[in-house]
Amino acid sequence: MDLIIGDDQRRKAMTQTLTPPPDTAAIPAADERCDRCNAAGKLRVKLAGGGELVFCGHHANKYAEDLVKIAVEVAADPEFTWRGSEN
């Protein structure tokens, strides 16, 4: 049997499957409230573990430095300027 370098029989046995794209974060709805203070939500943060958090403008900017480290996706109200988007 001729073995070519880089030839991996396991890869040949695998079948390709299509996976749906991950859900994208939607901006907070008008009735969604901040998880810290219950003010109107301005920013939604999706976490790697699958959870989501909603923050008001004040808390979104207060925790921006930490949120950019743990977020896999963020969605902000179009009228809100989030400090985390500067990083």
Protein backbone atom coordinates (compact mmCIF):
# COMPACT_ATOMS: atom_id res chain seq x y z
CA MET A 1 0.00 0.00 0.00
CA ASP A 2 1.40 3.38 -1.00
CA LEU A 3 0.97 6.00 1.70
CA ILE A 4 1.25 9.59 0.63
CA ILE A 5 2.44 12.04 3.27
CA GLY A 6 -0.53 13.98 4.58
CA ASP A 7 -2.96 11.31 3.40
CA ASP A 8 -5.35 10.71 6.31
CA GLN A 9 -7.83 7.89 5.81
CA ARG A 10 -10.08 9.25 8.55
CA ARG A 11 -10.60 12.47 6.60
CA LYS A 12 -11.58 10.50 3.53
CA ALA A 13 -14.19 8.63 5.56
CA MET A 14 -15.83 11.80 6.89
CA THR A 15 -18.88 13.14 5.17
CA GLN A 16 -19.53 16.81 4.85
CA THR A 17 -22.56 18.26 6.58
CA LEU A 18 -23.98 21.71 6.39
CA THR A 19 -24.62 23.49 9.64
CA PRO A 20 -26.93 26.44 9.84
CA PRO A 21 -25.32 29.80 10.53
CA PRO A 22 -25.46 30.88 14.16
CA ASP A 23 -28.36 33.07 15.17
CA THR A 24 -27.44 36.70 15.11
CA ALA A 25 -28.10 38.93 18.07
CA ALA A 26 -31.05 41.25 17.65
CA ILE A 27 -31.14 44.70 19.16
CA PRO A 28 -33.09 44.82 22.42
CA ALA A 29 -36.84 45.21 21.94
CA ALA A 30 -38.52 48.34 23.29
CA ASP A 31 -39.89 46.43 26.30
CA GLU A 32 -36.60 44.70 27.25
CA ARG A 33 -34.91 45.94 30.39
CA CYS A 34 -31.31 46.15 31.60
CA ASP A 35 -30.19 43.08 33.55
CA ARG A 36 -28.45 45.36 36.08
CA CYS A 37 -30.92 48.19 36.80
CA ASN A 38 -34.15 47.57 34.87
CA ALA A 39 -33.73 50.66 32.63
CA ALA A 40 -34.54 50.40 28.90
CA GLY A 41 -32.21 47.99 27.10
CA LYS A 42 -29.79 49.48 24.56
CA LEU A 43 -27.29 46.64 24.03
CA ARG A 44 -27.66 42.85 23.72
CA VAL A 45 -24.60 40.69 24.32
CA LYS A 46 -24.40 37.03 23.28
CA LEU A 47 -22.01 34.96 25.37
CA ALA A 48 -19.93 31.99 24.22
CA GLY A 49 -21.89 29.69 26.52
CA GLY A 50 -25.11 30.60 24.73
CA GLY A 51 -26.57 33.09 27.21
CA GLU A 52 -27.57 36.65 26.49
CA LEU A 53 -27.45 39.82 28.54
CA VAL A 54 -29.21 43.14 27.96
CA PHE A 55 -27.80 46.41 29.24
CA CYS A 56 -28.96 50.01 29.39
CA GLY A 57 -26.67 52.60 27.86
CA HIS A 58 -25.08 53.48 31.20
CA HIS A 59 -24.18 49.91 32.16
CA ALA A 60 -23.22 48.92 28.60
CA ASN A 61 -20.61 51.67 28.58
CA LYS A 62 -19.58 51.12 32.19
CA TYR A 63 -18.75 47.46 31.50
CA ALA A 64 -17.67 47.86 27.83
CA GLU A 65 -14.05 46.85 28.45
CA ASP A 66 -15.11 43.57 30.08
CA LEU A 67 -17.99 42.88 27.69
CA VAL A 68 -15.79 42.92 24.59
CA LYS A 69 -13.70 40.17 26.20
CA ILE A 70 -16.61 37.79 26.79
CA ALA A 71 -19.04 38.61 23.98
CA VAL A 72 -19.23 36.54 20.82
CA GLU A 73 -21.73 38.96 19.33
CA VAL A 74 -23.30 42.29 20.25
CA ALA A 75 -26.24 44.27 18.91
CA ALA A 76 -26.83 47.88 19.87
CA ASP A 77 -29.78 50.17 19.41
CA PRO A 78 -28.95 52.22 16.29
CA GLU A 79 -29.29 55.47 18.25
CA PHE A 80 -26.91 54.28 21.00
CA THR A 81 -23.14 54.79 20.81
CA TRP A 82 -21.39 51.97 22.64
CA ARG A 83 -17.82 52.43 23.84
CA GLY A 84 -17.08 48.77 23.18
CA SER A 85 -17.35 49.29 19.43
CA GLU A 86 -14.23 51.46 19.63
CA ASN A 87 -12.05 48.46 20.69
